[in-house]
Amino acid sequence: MENLLAVDLGIKTGLGLFGRDGRLRWYRSRNFGTADRLRRAVHGLLAELPELSQLVLEGGGPLADIWEREAAKHGIEVMRISAEDWRRVLLYPRQQRNGPQAKRYAGRLARRVIEWSETPRPTSLRHDAAEAILIGL
């Protein structure tokens, strides 16, 4: 068990899976539509990742609770962070003066991580997937 899954929480969720070497394995964005559908999907997603040892969640509340409960069933360590945590480390203050600006710079940086990891490049990269990539760093 050596992989880390980074999650930008929401009904529209960004996901980024990182390997033991720190490289991005895959990333995606999923629109679950409702909390009930998210709950069912999280069960299946974590069951499909037997090598997963860590889960990093950006955010809190009821949606984070869903992920935490399911992770506990699989013996997966969970860490909660805020957007400010990773932005402070990865972006300059001038790049995070407002939300849209921070999302734009996050997208640019995420593309560099994708390239460095030799992961297939996206035709379009949703901000939630980009943020999940940076959460995982």
N, C-alpha and C. Protein backbone atom coordinates (compact mmCIF):
# COMPACT_ATOMS: atom_id res chain seq x y z
N MET A 1 0.85 -1.18 0.00
CA MET A 1 0.00 0.00 0.00
C MET A 1 0.89 1.24 0.00
N GLU A 2 0.97 1.89 -1.14
CA GLU A 2 1.91 2.99 -1.26
C GLU A 2 1.36 4.21 -1.97
N ASN A 3 0.13 4.22 -2.43
CA ASN A 3 -0.39 5.34 -3.21
C ASN A 3 -1.13 6.35 -2.35
N LEU A 4 -1.20 7.57 -2.87
CA LEU A 4 -1.91 8.66 -2.21
C LEU A 4 -2.97 9.18 -3.16
N LEU A 5 -4.19 9.35 -2.67
CA LEU A 5 -5.27 9.93 -3.46
C LEU A 5 -5.59 11.30 -2.89
N ALA A 6 -5.49 12.32 -3.74
CA ALA A 6 -5.83 13.69 -3.35
C ALA A 6 -7.21 14.02 -3.90
N VAL A 7 -8.04 14.65 -3.06
CA VAL A 7 -9.43 14.91 -3.42
C VAL A 7 -9.77 16.37 -3.17
N ASP A 8 -10.23 17.05 -4.22
CA ASP A 8 -10.81 18.39 -4.08
C ASP A 8 -12.31 18.14 -3.89
N LEU A 9 -12.76 18.28 -2.64
CA LEU A 9 -14.12 17.89 -2.27
C LEU A 9 -15.19 18.72 -2.95
N GLY A 10 -16.29 18.07 -3.21
CA GLY A 10 -17.48 18.71 -3.75
C GLY A 10 -18.34 17.67 -4.43
N ILE A 11 -19.54 18.07 -4.80
CA ILE A 11 -20.36 17.20 -5.63
C ILE A 11 -19.63 17.03 -6.96
N LYS A 12 -19.01 18.13 -7.43
CA LYS A 12 -18.05 18.06 -8.55
C LYS A 12 -16.69 17.90 -7.90
N THR A 13 -16.12 16.73 -8.01
CA THR A 13 -14.91 16.35 -7.28
C THR A 13 -13.72 16.21 -8.21
N GLY A 14 -12.58 16.72 -7.76
CA GLY A 14 -11.33 16.50 -8.48
C GLY A 14 -10.55 15.41 -7.77
N LEU A 15 -9.91 14.53 -8.54
CA LEU A 15 -9.16 13.41 -7.99
C LEU A 15 -7.78 13.35 -8.64
N GLY A 16 -6.78 13.06 -7.83
CA GLY A 16 -5.43 12.85 -8.35
C GLY A 16 -4.76 11.72 -7.59
N LEU A 17 -4.32 10.69 -8.29
CA LEU A 17 -3.65 9.55 -7.66
C LEU A 17 -2.15 9.65 -7.89
N PHE A 18 -1.40 9.58 -6.80
CA PHE A 18 0.06 9.67 -6.84
C PHE A 18 0.67 8.35 -6.39
N GLY A 19 1.76 7.97 -7.05
CA GLY A 19 2.47 6.75 -6.70
C GLY A 19 3.52 6.98 -5.64
N ARG A 20 4.16 5.92 -5.26
CA ARG A 20 5.20 5.95 -4.22
C ARG A 20 6.33 6.91 -4.57
N ASP A 21 6.63 7.05 -5.86
CA ASP A 21 7.71 7.93 -6.31
C ASP A 21 7.30 9.40 -6.36
N GLY A 22 6.07 9.70 -5.97
CA GLY A 22 5.59 11.08 -5.96
C GLY A 22 5.04 11.55 -7.29
N ARG A 23 5.06 10.71 -8.29
CA ARG A 23 4.55 11.10 -9.61
C ARG A 23 3.05 10.83 -9.70
N LEU A 24 2.41 11.71 -10.44
CA LEU A 24 0.98 11.59 -10.69
C LEU A 24 0.72 10.39 -11.59
N ARG A 25 -0.17 9.50 -11.17
CA ARG A 25 -0.53 8.32 -11.97
C ARG A 25 -1.72 8.62 -12.87
N TRP A 26 -2.74 9.23 -12.29
CA TRP A 26 -3.91 9.65 -13.07
C TRP A 26 -4.61 10.77 -12.35
N TYR A 27 -5.47 11.46 -13.08
CA TYR A 27 -6.27 12.55 -12.52
C TYR A 27 -7.59 12.57 -13.27
N ARG A 28 -8.60 13.06 -12.59
CA ARG A 28 -9.91 13.16 -13.24
C ARG A 28 -10.82 14.07 -12.45
N SER A 29 -11.91 14.41 -13.07
CA SER A 29 -12.95 15.20 -12.45
C SER A 29 -14.24 14.41 -12.57
N ARG A 30 -15.01 14.36 -11.49
CA ARG A 30 -16.28 13.62 -11.51
C ARG A 30 -17.38 14.49 -10.94
N ASN A 31 -18.49 14.52 -11.63
CA ASN A 31 -19.67 15.21 -11.12
C ASN A 31 -20.63 14.13 -10.61
N PHE A 32 -20.72 14.02 -9.30
CA PHE A 32 -21.55 12.98 -8.71
C PHE A 32 -23.03 13.36 -8.67
N GLY A 33 -23.35 14.64 -8.77
CA GLY A 33 -24.73 15.08 -8.82
C GLY A 33 -25.40 15.24 -7.48
N THR A 34 -25.26 14.24 -6.61
CA THR A 34 -25.86 14.30 -5.27
C THR A 34 -24.92 13.65 -4.26
N ALA A 35 -25.14 13.98 -3.00
CA ALA A 35 -24.33 13.38 -1.94
C ALA A 35 -24.55 11.87 -1.86
N ASP A 36 -25.77 11.41 -2.13
CA ASP A 36 -26.03 9.97 -2.10
C ASP A 36 -25.24 9.23 -3.18
N ARG A 37 -25.20 9.80 -4.38
CA ARG A 37 -24.42 9.16 -5.45
C ARG A 37 -22.93 9.21 -5.14
N LEU A 38 -22.48 10.31 -4.53
CA LEU A 38 -21.08 10.41 -4.13
C LEU A 38 -20.76 9.31 -3.12
N ARG A 39 -21.63 9.10 -2.15
CA ARG A 39 -21.42 8.08 -1.11
C ARG A 39 -21.23 6.70 -1.75
N ARG A 40 -22.09 6.36 -2.68
CA ARG A 40 -21.99 5.05 -3.34
C ARG A 40 -20.72 4.96 -4.18
N ALA A 41 -20.36 6.04 -4.85
CA ALA A 41 -19.19 6.04 -5.72
C ALA A 41 -17.89 5.95 -4.92
N VAL A 42 -17.83 6.61 -3.78
CA VAL A 42 -16.61 6.58 -2.95
C VAL A 42 -16.32 5.15 -2.52
N HIS A 43 -17.34 4.42 -2.14
CA HIS A 43 -17.15 3.02 -1.76
C HIS A 43 -16.47 2.25 -2.89
N GLY A 44 -17.01 2.37 -4.09
CA GLY A 44 -16.45 1.65 -5.23
C GLY A 44 -15.05 2.13 -5.61
N LEU A 45 -14.84 3.43 -5.56
CA LEU A 45 -13.54 3.99 -5.93
C LEU A 45 -12.44 3.49 -5.01
N LEU A 46 -12.67 3.55 -3.70
CA LEU A 46 -11.64 3.11 -2.76
C LEU A 46 -11.42 1.60 -2.84
N ALA A 47 -12.47 0.86 -3.14
CA ALA A 47 -12.32 -0.60 -3.30
C ALA A 47 -11.47 -0.94 -4.52
N GLU A 48 -11.48 -0.07 -5.54
CA GLU A 48 -10.70 -0.29 -6.76
C GLU A 48 -9.22 0.06 -6.59
N LEU A 49 -8.86 0.64 -5.46
CA LEU A 49 -7.48 1.10 -5.24
C LEU A 49 -6.85 0.36 -4.05
N PRO A 50 -6.56 -0.93 -4.20
CA PRO A 50 -6.05 -1.70 -3.06
C PRO A 50 -4.68 -1.22 -2.57
N GLU A 51 -3.92 -0.51 -3.39
CA GLU A 51 -2.60 -0.02 -3.00
C GLU A 51 -2.66 1.34 -2.30
N LEU A 52 -3.86 1.86 -2.09
CA LEU A 52 -4.02 3.19 -1.50
C LEU A 52 -3.73 3.16 0.00
N SER A 53 -2.83 4.04 0.44
CA SER A 53 -2.51 4.10 1.87
C SER A 53 -2.86 5.45 2.48
N GLN A 54 -2.97 6.50 1.65
CA GLN A 54 -3.26 7.83 2.18
C GLN A 54 -4.29 8.54 1.32
N LEU A 55 -5.14 9.30 2.00
CA LEU A 55 -6.17 10.09 1.36
C LEU A 55 -6.04 11.51 1.89
N VAL A 56 -5.89 12.49 0.99
CA VAL A 56 -5.78 13.89 1.39
C VAL A 56 -7.01 14.61 0.85
N LEU A 57 -7.78 15.21 1.76
CA LEU A 57 -9.02 15.88 1.41
C LEU A 57 -8.86 17.39 1.58
N GLU A 58 -9.25 18.15 0.56
CA GLU A 58 -9.29 19.59 0.71
C GLU A 58 -10.73 19.96 1.06
N GLY A 59 -10.90 20.43 2.28
CA GLY A 59 -12.22 20.83 2.73
C GLY A 59 -12.71 19.99 3.89
N GLY A 60 -13.96 20.21 4.25
CA GLY A 60 -14.53 19.50 5.38
C GLY A 60 -16.02 19.31 5.20
N GLY A 61 -16.72 19.16 6.30
CA GLY A 61 -18.17 19.03 6.27
C GLY A 61 -18.64 17.64 5.95
N PRO A 62 -19.93 17.52 5.61
CA PRO A 62 -20.54 16.21 5.38
C PRO A 62 -19.89 15.41 4.25
N LEU A 63 -19.43 16.08 3.20
CA LEU A 63 -18.80 15.34 2.10
C LEU A 63 -17.47 14.75 2.53
N ALA A 64 -16.71 15.47 3.34
CA ALA A 64 -15.45 14.93 3.87
C ALA A 64 -15.74 13.74 4.79
N ASP A 65 -16.82 13.84 5.55
CA ASP A 65 -17.18 12.74 6.45
C ASP A 65 -17.44 11.45 5.67
N ILE A 66 -18.07 11.57 4.50
CA ILE A 66 -18.33 10.39 3.65
C ILE A 66 -17.01 9.72 3.29
N TRP A 67 -16.05 10.51 2.82
CA TRP A 67 -14.74 9.97 2.43
C TRP A 67 -14.03 9.36 3.64
N GLU A 68 -14.06 10.05 4.77
CA GLU A 68 -13.36 9.57 5.97
C GLU A 68 -13.92 8.24 6.47
N ARG A 69 -15.24 8.12 6.50
CA ARG A 69 -15.85 6.87 6.96
C ARG A 69 -15.45 5.70 6.06
N GLU A 70 -15.50 5.92 4.76
CA GLU A 70 -15.16 4.84 3.83
C GLU A 70 -13.67 4.51 3.91
N ALA A 71 -12.83 5.52 4.06
CA ALA A 71 -11.38 5.28 4.19
C ALA A 71 -11.08 4.46 5.44
N ALA A 72 -11.78 4.75 6.52
CA ALA A 72 -11.56 4.00 7.77
C ALA A 72 -11.86 2.52 7.57
N LYS A 73 -12.88 2.20 6.78
CA LYS A 73 -13.22 0.80 6.51
C LYS A 73 -12.09 0.07 5.78
N HIS A 74 -11.31 0.84 5.01
CA HIS A 74 -10.22 0.25 4.22
C HIS A 74 -8.86 0.42 4.89
N GLY A 75 -8.83 1.00 6.08
CA GLY A 75 -7.56 1.21 6.78
C GLY A 75 -6.67 2.26 6.14
N ILE A 76 -7.29 3.24 5.51
CA ILE A 76 -6.55 4.29 4.80
C ILE A 76 -6.42 5.52 5.71
N GLU A 77 -5.21 6.02 5.82
CA GLU A 77 -4.93 7.22 6.61
C GLU A 77 -5.51 8.44 5.89
N VAL A 78 -6.15 9.35 6.65
CA VAL A 78 -6.80 10.53 6.07
C VAL A 78 -6.20 11.80 6.65
N MET A 79 -5.99 12.78 5.77
CA MET A 79 -5.54 14.10 6.19
C MET A 79 -6.47 15.13 5.54
N ARG A 80 -6.93 16.09 6.34
CA ARG A 80 -7.73 17.19 5.81
C ARG A 80 -6.88 18.44 5.75
N ILE A 81 -6.98 19.15 4.63
CA ILE A 81 -6.28 20.42 4.49
C ILE A 81 -7.25 21.44 3.91
N SER A 82 -6.83 22.69 3.90
CA SER A 82 -7.64 23.74 3.27
C SER A 82 -6.92 24.20 2.00
N ALA A 83 -7.63 24.89 1.14
CA ALA A 83 -7.02 25.43 -0.08
C ALA A 83 -5.87 26.35 0.27
N GLU A 84 -6.02 27.09 1.35
CA GLU A 84 -4.96 28.02 1.76
C GLU A 84 -3.67 27.29 2.09
N ASP A 85 -3.78 26.07 2.62
CA ASP A 85 -2.58 25.29 2.97
C ASP A 85 -1.70 25.04 1.76
N TRP A 86 -2.27 24.47 0.70
CA TRP A 86 -1.44 24.16 -0.46
C TRP A 86 -1.12 25.41 -1.27
N ARG A 87 -2.03 26.37 -1.32
CA ARG A 87 -1.75 27.60 -2.08
C ARG A 87 -0.57 28.36 -1.47
N ARG A 88 -0.51 28.40 -0.15
CA ARG A 88 0.58 29.10 0.53
C ARG A 88 1.94 28.49 0.17
N VAL A 89 1.97 27.18 -0.01
CA VAL A 89 3.22 26.48 -0.31
C VAL A 89 3.58 26.55 -1.80
N LEU A 90 2.59 26.47 -2.68
CA LEU A 90 2.85 26.32 -4.11
C LEU A 90 2.69 27.57 -4.95
N LEU A 91 1.97 28.56 -4.45
CA LEU A 91 1.73 29.78 -5.23
C LEU A 91 2.30 31.00 -4.52
N TYR A 92 2.77 31.95 -5.31
CA TYR A 92 3.20 33.23 -4.75
C TYR A 92 1.98 34.00 -4.28
N PRO A 93 2.13 34.90 -3.30
CA PRO A 93 0.99 35.70 -2.85
C PRO A 93 0.29 36.44 -3.99
N ARG A 94 1.06 36.95 -4.94
CA ARG A 94 0.46 37.68 -6.07
C ARG A 94 -0.39 36.78 -6.97
N GLN A 95 -0.18 35.46 -6.87
CA GLN A 95 -0.93 34.51 -7.70
C GLN A 95 -2.22 34.05 -7.03
N GLN A 96 -2.45 34.48 -5.81
CA GLN A 96 -3.63 34.01 -5.08
C GLN A 96 -4.42 35.16 -4.46
N ARG A 97 -4.42 36.30 -5.13
CA ARG A 97 -5.13 37.47 -4.60
C ARG A 97 -6.65 37.27 -4.59
N ASN A 98 -7.14 36.44 -5.50
CA ASN A 98 -8.57 36.11 -5.50
C ASN A 98 -8.73 34.68 -6.04
N GLY A 99 -9.91 34.13 -5.82
CA GLY A 99 -10.17 32.74 -6.20
C GLY A 99 -9.94 32.43 -7.66
N PRO A 100 -10.53 33.20 -8.59
CA PRO A 100 -10.33 32.91 -10.01
C PRO A 100 -8.86 32.97 -10.44
N GLN A 101 -8.13 33.93 -9.89
CA GLN A 101 -6.71 34.05 -10.21
C GLN A 101 -5.94 32.83 -9.70
N ALA A 102 -6.22 32.41 -8.48
CA ALA A 102 -5.55 31.25 -7.90
C ALA A 102 -5.86 29.99 -8.72
N LYS A 103 -7.11 29.85 -9.17
CA LYS A 103 -7.49 28.68 -9.98
C LYS A 103 -6.74 28.68 -11.31
N ARG A 104 -6.57 29.85 -11.91
CA ARG A 104 -5.85 29.95 -13.18
C ARG A 104 -4.39 29.51 -13.01
N TYR A 105 -3.72 30.02 -11.99
CA TYR A 105 -2.33 29.63 -11.74
C TYR A 105 -2.23 28.17 -11.33
N ALA A 106 -3.21 27.68 -10.60
CA ALA A 106 -3.22 26.26 -10.21
C ALA A 106 -3.28 25.39 -11.46
N GLY A 107 -4.09 25.79 -12.43
CA GLY A 107 -4.18 25.03 -13.68
C GLY A 107 -2.85 24.97 -14.41
N ARG A 108 -2.15 26.10 -14.44
CA ARG A 108 -0.84 26.14 -15.11
C ARG A 108 0.16 25.23 -14.40
N LEU A 109 0.19 25.30 -13.08
CA LEU A 109 1.13 24.48 -12.32
C LEU A 109 0.77 23.00 -12.43
N ALA A 110 -0.51 22.68 -12.42
CA ALA A 110 -0.94 21.28 -12.54
C ALA A 110 -0.50 20.70 -13.89
N ARG A 111 -0.57 21.49 -14.94
CA ARG A 111 -0.11 21.02 -16.25
C ARG A 111 1.38 20.69 -16.24
N ARG A 112 2.15 21.45 -15.47
CA ARG A 112 3.58 21.16 -15.35
C ARG A 112 3.81 19.85 -14.60
N VAL A 113 2.98 19.60 -13.57
CA VAL A 113 3.08 18.33 -12.83
C VAL A 113 2.71 17.17 -13.74
N ILE A 114 1.67 17.34 -14.55
CA ILE A 114 1.25 16.31 -15.50
C ILE A 114 2.39 15.99 -16.46
N GLU A 115 3.01 17.03 -16.98
CA GLU A 115 4.13 16.83 -17.92
C GLU A 115 5.30 16.13 -17.23
N TRP A 116 5.68 16.60 -16.03
CA TRP A 116 6.79 16.00 -15.29
C TRP A 116 6.53 14.54 -14.97
N SER A 117 5.28 14.22 -14.66
CA SER A 117 4.91 12.85 -14.30
C SER A 117 4.75 11.95 -15.51
N GLU A 118 4.81 12.54 -16.70
CA GLU A 118 4.62 11.80 -17.94
C GLU A 118 3.25 11.12 -17.98
N THR A 119 2.27 11.83 -17.44
CA THR A 119 0.88 11.39 -17.47
C THR A 119 0.26 11.97 -18.74
N PRO A 120 -0.65 11.28 -19.40
CA PRO A 120 -1.26 11.84 -20.61
C PRO A 120 -1.83 13.24 -20.36
N ARG A 121 -1.53 14.14 -21.30
CA ARG A 121 -1.97 15.52 -21.16
C ARG A 121 -3.46 15.64 -21.47
N PRO A 122 -4.13 16.54 -20.77
CA PRO A 122 -5.57 16.72 -20.98
C PRO A 122 -5.85 17.60 -22.19
N THR A 123 -7.00 17.40 -22.80
CA THR A 123 -7.44 18.36 -23.81
C THR A 123 -7.97 19.59 -23.08
N SER A 124 -8.67 19.35 -22.00
CA SER A 124 -9.07 20.45 -21.10
C SER A 124 -8.89 19.93 -19.68
N LEU A 125 -8.54 20.84 -18.79
CA LEU A 125 -8.28 20.46 -17.41
C LEU A 125 -9.21 21.27 -16.52
N ARG A 126 -10.17 20.61 -15.90
CA ARG A 126 -11.09 21.30 -15.00
C ARG A 126 -10.33 21.74 -13.75
N HIS A 127 -10.79 22.85 -13.18
CA HIS A 127 -10.09 23.40 -12.01
C HIS A 127 -10.10 22.44 -10.83
N ASP A 128 -11.15 21.63 -10.68
CA ASP A 128 -11.16 20.71 -9.53
C ASP A 128 -10.12 19.61 -9.69
N ALA A 129 -9.90 19.12 -10.90
CA ALA A 129 -8.84 18.13 -11.12
C ALA A 129 -7.47 18.77 -10.94
N ALA A 130 -7.30 20.00 -11.44
CA ALA A 130 -6.03 20.71 -11.28
C ALA A 130 -5.71 20.91 -9.80
N GLU A 131 -6.72 21.29 -9.04
CA GLU A 131 -6.49 21.51 -7.61
C GLU A 131 -6.19 20.19 -6.89
N ALA A 132 -6.83 19.11 -7.30
CA ALA A 132 -6.54 17.81 -6.69
C ALA A 132 -5.08 17.43 -6.93
N ILE A 133 -4.58 17.73 -8.12
CA ILE A 133 -3.18 17.44 -8.43
C ILE A 133 -2.27 18.20 -7.46
N LEU A 134 -2.57 19.47 -7.23
CA LEU A 134 -1.72 20.27 -6.35
C LEU A 134 -1.90 19.89 -4.88
N ILE A 135 -3.08 19.46 -4.51
CA ILE A 135 -3.32 18.97 -3.14
C ILE A 135 -2.40 17.78 -2.87
N GLY A 136 -2.24 16.92 -3.86
CA GLY A 136 -1.43 15.72 -3.70
C GLY A 136 0.06 15.98 -3.58
N LEU A 137 0.49 17.14 -4.07
CA LEU A 137 1.92 17.46 -3.95
C LEU A 137 2.28 17.67 -2.50
